[in-house]
Amino acid sequence: KGMKIQVPSNYVTRDESLNGEANYKRNVSTGVVASTYQNWDGAFRTESVYSNNPAWILYDIITNNRYGCGSWLDSLDIDKFALYRIGRYCDEMVPSGTTGITEPRFTTNVYFSKATDVYKVLKDLSTVFRGMLYWLDGNIFPILDEPKDPVYNFSAGNVINGQFGYESSGSKTMSNQVVVSWVNPLQDYKQEALIVEDKENIIEKGRIISQTASAFGAITEGQALRYGRWKLWTAKNQTEVASFETSISAAFLAPGDVVNIQDASRGSSQLQYSGRISSAST
């Protein structure tokens, strides 16, 4: 915490803005803050500034050659435009849990006191914005778990042998309580535990199935609460894994993409909504 890092040329940090909310209204040519959004040119500000936006802290750790990965990686090795989208998502103001008060969706406030495996540091930093990193074509690509539209449809018509396989985790092992650890600045930055529960599920099952989680970098109860709710939602709604094989036509898909599966064999109506044309005439 307290480090100055590189930020986009159109970025106005929370500390620099008049209302305490980060924005993207800095003119990339003159540096003057405008009244409307300014398009990003892909460059960074010449001077380093303080920011607790997790996207740009991650970028700093990857590119810095003194305390980060800069001796092995550089700015060309990471998709900075994907980070830009993540950074803007992190800066959006959301309810803090206290009536009438909002706060940034994600911030990172950490202190690294000793050398640590770099992959663990990058993985921990990406969990701040509910994300992950993957390596593709010589570049690091960051993604985050956010609402998005499907980009492709899979059915028996474009799956090898028309077969889907399914595995379920089962409802008996689904967590209905998450104990989230976070750092409370009002208690001398000591770790505290926040219990987040799905009370309806606890009543339905008649027992508590608890798990522990760490809201890495969180110093507000609101951010810890949102992380716990996300863990509960994931446990409740993402209980099944579908597996299948397809052709090269789906090679453009990347980790994190959302797709539709139209499997007629699972529906009660047994209706096939898609497929391939075997013959046609003019």
Protein backbone atom coordinates (compact mmCIF):
# COMPACT_ATOMS: atom_id res chain seq x y z
CA LYS A 1 0.00 0.00 0.00
CA GLY A 2 1.29 3.48 -0.77
CA MET A 3 3.26 2.55 -3.87
CA LYS A 4 3.12 4.78 -6.93
CA ILE A 5 2.38 2.90 -10.12
CA GLN A 6 1.68 3.45 -13.80
CA VAL A 7 -1.93 4.16 -14.74
CA PRO A 8 -3.64 4.82 -18.10
CA SER A 9 -3.16 8.24 -19.69
CA ASN A 10 -6.88 9.07 -19.36
CA TYR A 11 -7.15 7.95 -15.73
CA VAL A 12 -8.06 10.19 -12.79
CA THR A 13 -7.47 8.32 -9.55
CA ARG A 14 -9.75 8.49 -6.53
CA ASP A 15 -7.24 10.67 -4.71
CA GLU A 16 -7.10 13.10 -7.64
CA SER A 17 -10.83 13.42 -8.30
CA LEU A 18 -12.99 16.02 -6.59
CA ASN A 19 -15.66 13.58 -5.40
CA GLY A 20 -13.38 10.70 -4.42
CA GLU A 21 -14.49 8.54 -7.34
CA ALA A 22 -12.03 7.43 -10.02
CA ASN A 23 -12.89 8.35 -13.59
CA TYR A 24 -11.48 8.30 -17.10
CA LYS A 25 -11.84 11.94 -18.14
CA ARG A 26 -8.19 13.01 -18.52
CA ASN A 27 -7.32 14.23 -22.00
CA VAL A 28 -4.55 11.93 -23.27
CA SER A 29 -2.82 14.76 -25.18
CA THR A 30 -3.01 17.72 -22.81
CA GLY A 31 -3.49 15.97 -19.46
CA VAL A 32 -6.39 18.31 -18.68
CA VAL A 33 -9.34 16.70 -16.92
CA ALA A 34 -12.49 17.11 -19.02
CA SER A 35 -16.15 16.79 -18.09
CA THR A 36 -16.77 13.68 -20.18
CA TYR A 37 -15.16 10.30 -20.78
CA GLN A 38 -11.94 10.40 -22.83
CA ASN A 39 -10.92 7.50 -25.05
CA TRP A 40 -7.74 5.69 -24.02
CA ASP A 41 -4.87 5.66 -26.51
CA GLY A 42 -3.15 2.64 -24.91
CA ALA A 43 -0.41 4.78 -23.32
CA PHE A 44 0.34 5.39 -19.67
CA ARG A 45 0.86 8.60 -17.75
CA THR A 46 4.48 9.77 -17.64
CA GLU A 47 4.44 10.14 -13.87
CA SER A 48 3.62 7.32 -11.46
CA VAL A 49 0.75 7.95 -9.05
CA TYR A 50 -0.83 6.22 -6.08
CA SER A 51 -3.73 3.92 -6.92
CA ASN A 52 -5.33 0.93 -5.22
CA ASN A 53 -7.07 -0.29 -8.38
CA PRO A 54 -6.26 -4.05 -8.51
CA ALA A 55 -5.91 -4.11 -12.31
CA TRP A 56 -3.05 -1.60 -12.35
CA ILE A 57 -1.40 -3.06 -9.25
CA LEU A 58 -1.33 -6.38 -11.11
CA TYR A 59 0.15 -4.63 -14.17
CA ASP A 60 2.82 -3.06 -11.96
CA ILE A 61 3.83 -6.38 -10.39
CA ILE A 62 4.09 -7.99 -13.83
CA THR A 63 6.19 -5.23 -15.44
CA ASN A 64 8.31 -3.85 -12.57
CA ASN A 65 11.91 -5.12 -12.77
CA ARG A 66 12.80 -4.31 -9.16
CA TYR A 67 10.16 -6.13 -7.11
CA GLY A 68 8.06 -7.78 -9.83
CA CYS A 69 8.44 -9.88 -12.97
CA GLY A 70 9.95 -7.15 -15.13
CA SER A 71 13.21 -9.04 -15.64
CA TRP A 72 11.29 -11.77 -17.48
CA LEU A 73 8.15 -10.03 -18.73
CA ASP A 74 7.36 -6.60 -20.14
CA SER A 75 4.32 -4.58 -21.09
CA LEU A 76 3.99 -6.37 -24.44
CA ASP A 77 3.45 -9.69 -22.68
CA ILE A 78 0.10 -8.74 -21.14
CA ASP A 79 -3.20 -7.76 -22.69
CA LYS A 80 -3.41 -4.23 -21.27
CA PHE A 81 -6.74 -3.53 -22.93
CA ALA A 82 -8.29 -6.47 -21.08
CA LEU A 83 -6.82 -5.01 -17.89
CA TYR A 84 -8.32 -1.65 -18.81
CA ARG A 85 -11.80 -3.16 -18.98
CA ILE A 86 -11.20 -4.89 -15.66
CA GLY A 87 -9.90 -1.66 -14.12
CA ARG A 88 -13.05 0.22 -15.09
CA TYR A 89 -15.19 -2.60 -13.69
CA CYS A 90 -13.28 -2.40 -10.40
CA ASP A 91 -13.81 1.38 -10.18
CA GLU A 92 -17.59 1.23 -10.52
CA MET A 93 -19.33 2.45 -7.37
CA VAL A 94 -21.55 -0.14 -5.67
CA PRO A 95 -23.51 -0.26 -2.39
CA SER A 96 -21.16 -0.76 0.55
CA GLY A 97 -23.70 -2.56 2.74
CA THR A 98 -24.45 0.61 4.69
CA THR A 99 -27.60 2.45 3.60
CA GLY A 100 -26.86 5.35 1.29
CA ILE A 101 -23.11 4.73 1.11
CA THR A 102 -21.27 3.47 -1.97
CA GLU A 103 -17.70 2.33 -2.51
CA PRO A 104 -15.53 1.04 -5.40
CA ARG A 105 -16.38 -2.53 -6.34
CA PHE A 106 -12.81 -3.76 -5.78
CA THR A 107 -9.68 -2.21 -4.26
CA THR A 108 -6.36 -3.77 -3.32
CA ASN A 109 -4.58 -2.83 -0.11
CA VAL A 110 -1.76 -5.23 0.69
CA TYR A 111 1.74 -5.24 2.13
CA PHE A 112 4.33 -7.71 0.82
CA SER A 113 6.88 -8.20 3.58
CA LYS A 114 8.97 -10.97 2.03
CA ALA A 115 9.81 -12.63 -1.27
CA THR A 116 7.06 -14.99 -2.44
CA ASP A 117 6.51 -17.25 -5.41
CA VAL A 118 5.52 -14.90 -8.22
CA TYR A 119 2.76 -17.13 -9.56
CA LYS A 120 1.09 -17.16 -6.14
CA VAL A 121 1.26 -13.35 -5.93
CA LEU A 122 -0.28 -12.92 -9.39
CA LYS A 123 -2.96 -15.50 -8.65
CA ASP A 124 -3.82 -13.85 -5.31
CA LEU A 125 -4.01 -10.41 -6.94
CA SER A 126 -6.33 -11.69 -9.65
CA THR A 127 -8.71 -13.10 -7.03
CA VAL A 128 -9.33 -9.53 -5.84
CA PHE A 129 -11.44 -8.89 -8.95
CA ARG A 130 -12.74 -12.50 -9.07
CA GLY A 131 -10.45 -13.25 -11.98
CA MET A 132 -7.83 -15.59 -13.30
CA LEU A 133 -4.81 -15.43 -15.59
CA TYR A 134 -3.96 -17.68 -18.51
CA TRP A 135 -1.08 -17.86 -20.97
CA LEU A 136 -1.87 -17.90 -24.70
CA ASP A 137 0.30 -17.22 -27.76
CA GLY A 138 3.10 -15.78 -25.63
CA ASN A 139 0.86 -13.36 -23.72
CA ILE A 140 -0.81 -13.16 -20.32
CA PHE A 141 -4.56 -12.69 -20.53
CA PRO A 142 -6.55 -11.65 -17.46
CA ILE A 143 -10.26 -12.41 -17.22
CA LEU A 144 -12.86 -11.86 -14.52
CA ASP A 145 -16.13 -13.44 -13.53
CA GLU A 146 -18.77 -10.91 -14.54
CA PRO A 147 -22.19 -10.95 -16.23
CA LYS A 148 -21.76 -11.39 -19.98
CA ASP A 149 -23.66 -12.67 -23.01
CA PRO A 150 -23.02 -16.07 -24.64
CA VAL A 151 -20.74 -15.96 -27.67
CA TYR A 152 -21.39 -19.40 -29.18
CA ASN A 153 -23.97 -22.21 -29.23
CA PHE A 154 -23.17 -25.91 -28.92
CA SER A 155 -25.63 -28.64 -29.88
CA ALA A 156 -25.54 -32.17 -31.25
CA GLY A 157 -24.90 -30.59 -34.65
CA ASN A 158 -21.42 -29.24 -33.83
CA VAL A 159 -20.27 -31.66 -31.15
CA ILE A 160 -18.36 -34.81 -32.08
CA ASN A 161 -20.74 -37.80 -32.00
CA GLY A 162 -23.38 -35.42 -30.70
CA GLN A 163 -22.58 -36.40 -27.13
CA PHE A 164 -22.30 -34.29 -23.97
CA GLY A 165 -20.99 -35.54 -20.66
CA TYR A 166 -22.09 -34.13 -17.31
CA GLU A 167 -20.68 -34.28 -13.81
CA SER A 168 -22.37 -32.82 -10.75
CA SER A 169 -20.89 -31.86 -7.39
CA GLY A 170 -24.12 -32.74 -5.58
CA SER A 171 -26.20 -30.54 -3.33
CA LYS A 172 -25.15 -32.32 -0.11
CA THR A 173 -21.64 -30.86 -0.30
CA MET A 174 -22.74 -27.37 -1.39
CA SER A 175 -21.57 -24.69 1.06
CA ASN A 176 -24.23 -22.52 2.67
CA GLN A 177 -21.89 -20.55 4.91
CA VAL A 178 -18.63 -18.77 4.08
CA VAL A 179 -16.28 -17.39 6.74
CA VAL A 180 -14.43 -14.57 4.96
CA SER A 181 -11.26 -13.13 6.43
CA TRP A 182 -10.44 -9.48 5.72
CA VAL A 183 -8.26 -6.74 7.18
CA ASN A 184 -9.99 -4.09 9.27
CA PRO A 185 -8.18 -0.70 9.28
CA LEU A 186 -10.26 0.38 12.29
CA GLN A 187 -8.69 -2.44 14.32
CA ASP A 188 -5.04 -1.63 13.53
CA TYR A 189 -5.25 -3.62 10.28
CA LYS A 190 -5.84 -6.91 12.05
CA GLN A 191 -7.59 -9.78 10.34
CA GLU A 192 -11.27 -10.25 11.10
CA ALA A 193 -13.74 -12.95 10.15
CA LEU A 194 -17.04 -12.14 8.48
CA ILE A 195 -19.73 -14.85 8.33
CA VAL A 196 -21.88 -14.82 5.19
CA GLU A 197 -24.77 -17.31 5.10
CA ASP A 198 -27.48 -18.63 2.81
CA LYS A 199 -30.11 -18.89 5.55
CA GLU A 200 -32.77 -20.42 3.32
CA ASN A 201 -30.44 -23.26 2.36
CA ILE A 202 -29.42 -23.81 5.99
CA ILE A 203 -33.09 -24.15 6.98
CA GLU A 204 -33.77 -26.44 4.01
CA LYS A 205 -30.85 -28.77 4.77
CA GLY A 206 -31.12 -28.51 8.53
CA ARG A 207 -27.37 -28.09 8.91
CA ILE A 208 -24.51 -25.72 8.19
CA ILE A 209 -21.89 -26.59 5.57
CA SER A 210 -19.14 -24.04 6.07
CA GLN A 211 -16.04 -23.08 4.14
CA THR A 212 -13.33 -20.48 4.72
CA ALA A 213 -12.18 -17.87 2.23
CA SER A 214 -9.81 -14.92 2.19
CA ALA A 215 -10.84 -11.61 0.65
CA PHE A 216 -7.30 -10.76 -0.46
CA GLY A 217 -6.57 -7.03 -0.37
CA ALA A 218 -9.96 -6.09 1.11
CA ILE A 219 -10.06 -3.44 3.85
CA THR A 220 -13.81 -2.81 3.85
CA GLU A 221 -16.51 -5.05 5.20
CA GLY A 222 -18.54 -4.36 2.06
CA GLN A 223 -15.90 -5.86 -0.24
CA ALA A 224 -15.54 -8.88 2.05
CA LEU A 225 -19.33 -9.28 2.07
CA ARG A 226 -19.53 -9.16 -1.73
CA TYR A 227 -16.78 -11.77 -1.98
CA GLY A 228 -18.62 -14.06 0.43
CA ARG A 229 -21.90 -13.65 -1.45
CA TRP A 230 -20.14 -14.47 -4.72
CA LYS A 231 -18.72 -17.66 -3.17
CA LEU A 232 -22.20 -18.67 -1.98
CA TRP A 233 -23.80 -17.88 -5.35
CA THR A 234 -21.11 -19.90 -7.14
CA ALA A 235 -21.63 -22.88 -4.84
CA LYS A 236 -25.39 -22.76 -5.37
CA ASN A 237 -25.56 -22.12 -9.12
CA GLN A 238 -22.40 -23.62 -10.62
CA THR A 239 -22.80 -27.24 -9.59
CA GLU A 240 -22.33 -29.01 -12.90
CA VAL A 241 -19.53 -29.50 -15.42
CA ALA A 242 -20.32 -30.29 -19.05
CA SER A 243 -17.68 -31.90 -21.25
CA PHE A 244 -17.65 -32.50 -25.00
CA GLU A 245 -15.42 -32.47 -28.06
CA THR A 246 -15.89 -30.14 -31.00
CA SER A 247 -14.18 -29.05 -34.19
CA ILE A 248 -11.75 -26.30 -35.09
CA SER A 249 -14.68 -23.96 -35.71
CA ALA A 250 -14.72 -23.26 -31.98
CA ALA A 251 -10.99 -22.57 -31.76
CA PHE A 252 -11.63 -18.86 -31.25
CA LEU A 253 -13.12 -19.49 -27.80
CA ALA A 254 -11.03 -18.53 -24.80
CA PRO A 255 -11.22 -19.24 -21.05
CA GLY A 256 -13.96 -17.18 -19.46
CA ASP A 257 -16.23 -17.10 -22.52
CA VAL A 258 -19.89 -17.95 -21.94
CA VAL A 259 -21.54 -20.44 -24.31
CA ASN A 260 -24.98 -22.00 -24.70
CA ILE A 261 -25.54 -25.77 -24.69
CA GLN A 262 -28.67 -27.02 -26.47
CA ASP A 263 -28.84 -30.71 -25.59
CA ALA A 264 -32.15 -32.20 -26.74
CA SER A 265 -31.46 -35.44 -24.85
CA ARG A 266 -31.81 -33.65 -21.50
CA GLY A 267 -35.07 -31.81 -22.17
CA SER A 268 -38.47 -33.31 -21.42
CA SER A 269 -39.75 -32.33 -24.87
CA GLN A 270 -36.82 -33.97 -26.69
CA LEU A 271 -36.98 -31.18 -29.27
CA GLN A 272 -33.90 -30.46 -31.38
CA TYR A 273 -33.54 -26.70 -31.82
CA SER A 274 -30.40 -26.79 -33.95
CA GLY A 275 -28.34 -29.03 -36.19
CA ARG A 276 -26.63 -29.35 -39.56
CA ILE A 277 -28.15 -29.33 -43.03
CA SER A 278 -27.56 -32.66 -44.76
CA SER A 279 -28.82 -31.60 -48.19
CA ALA A 280 -30.47 -28.67 -49.92
CA SER A 281 -31.66 -27.61 -53.33
CA THR A 282 -32.14 -24.31 -55.07
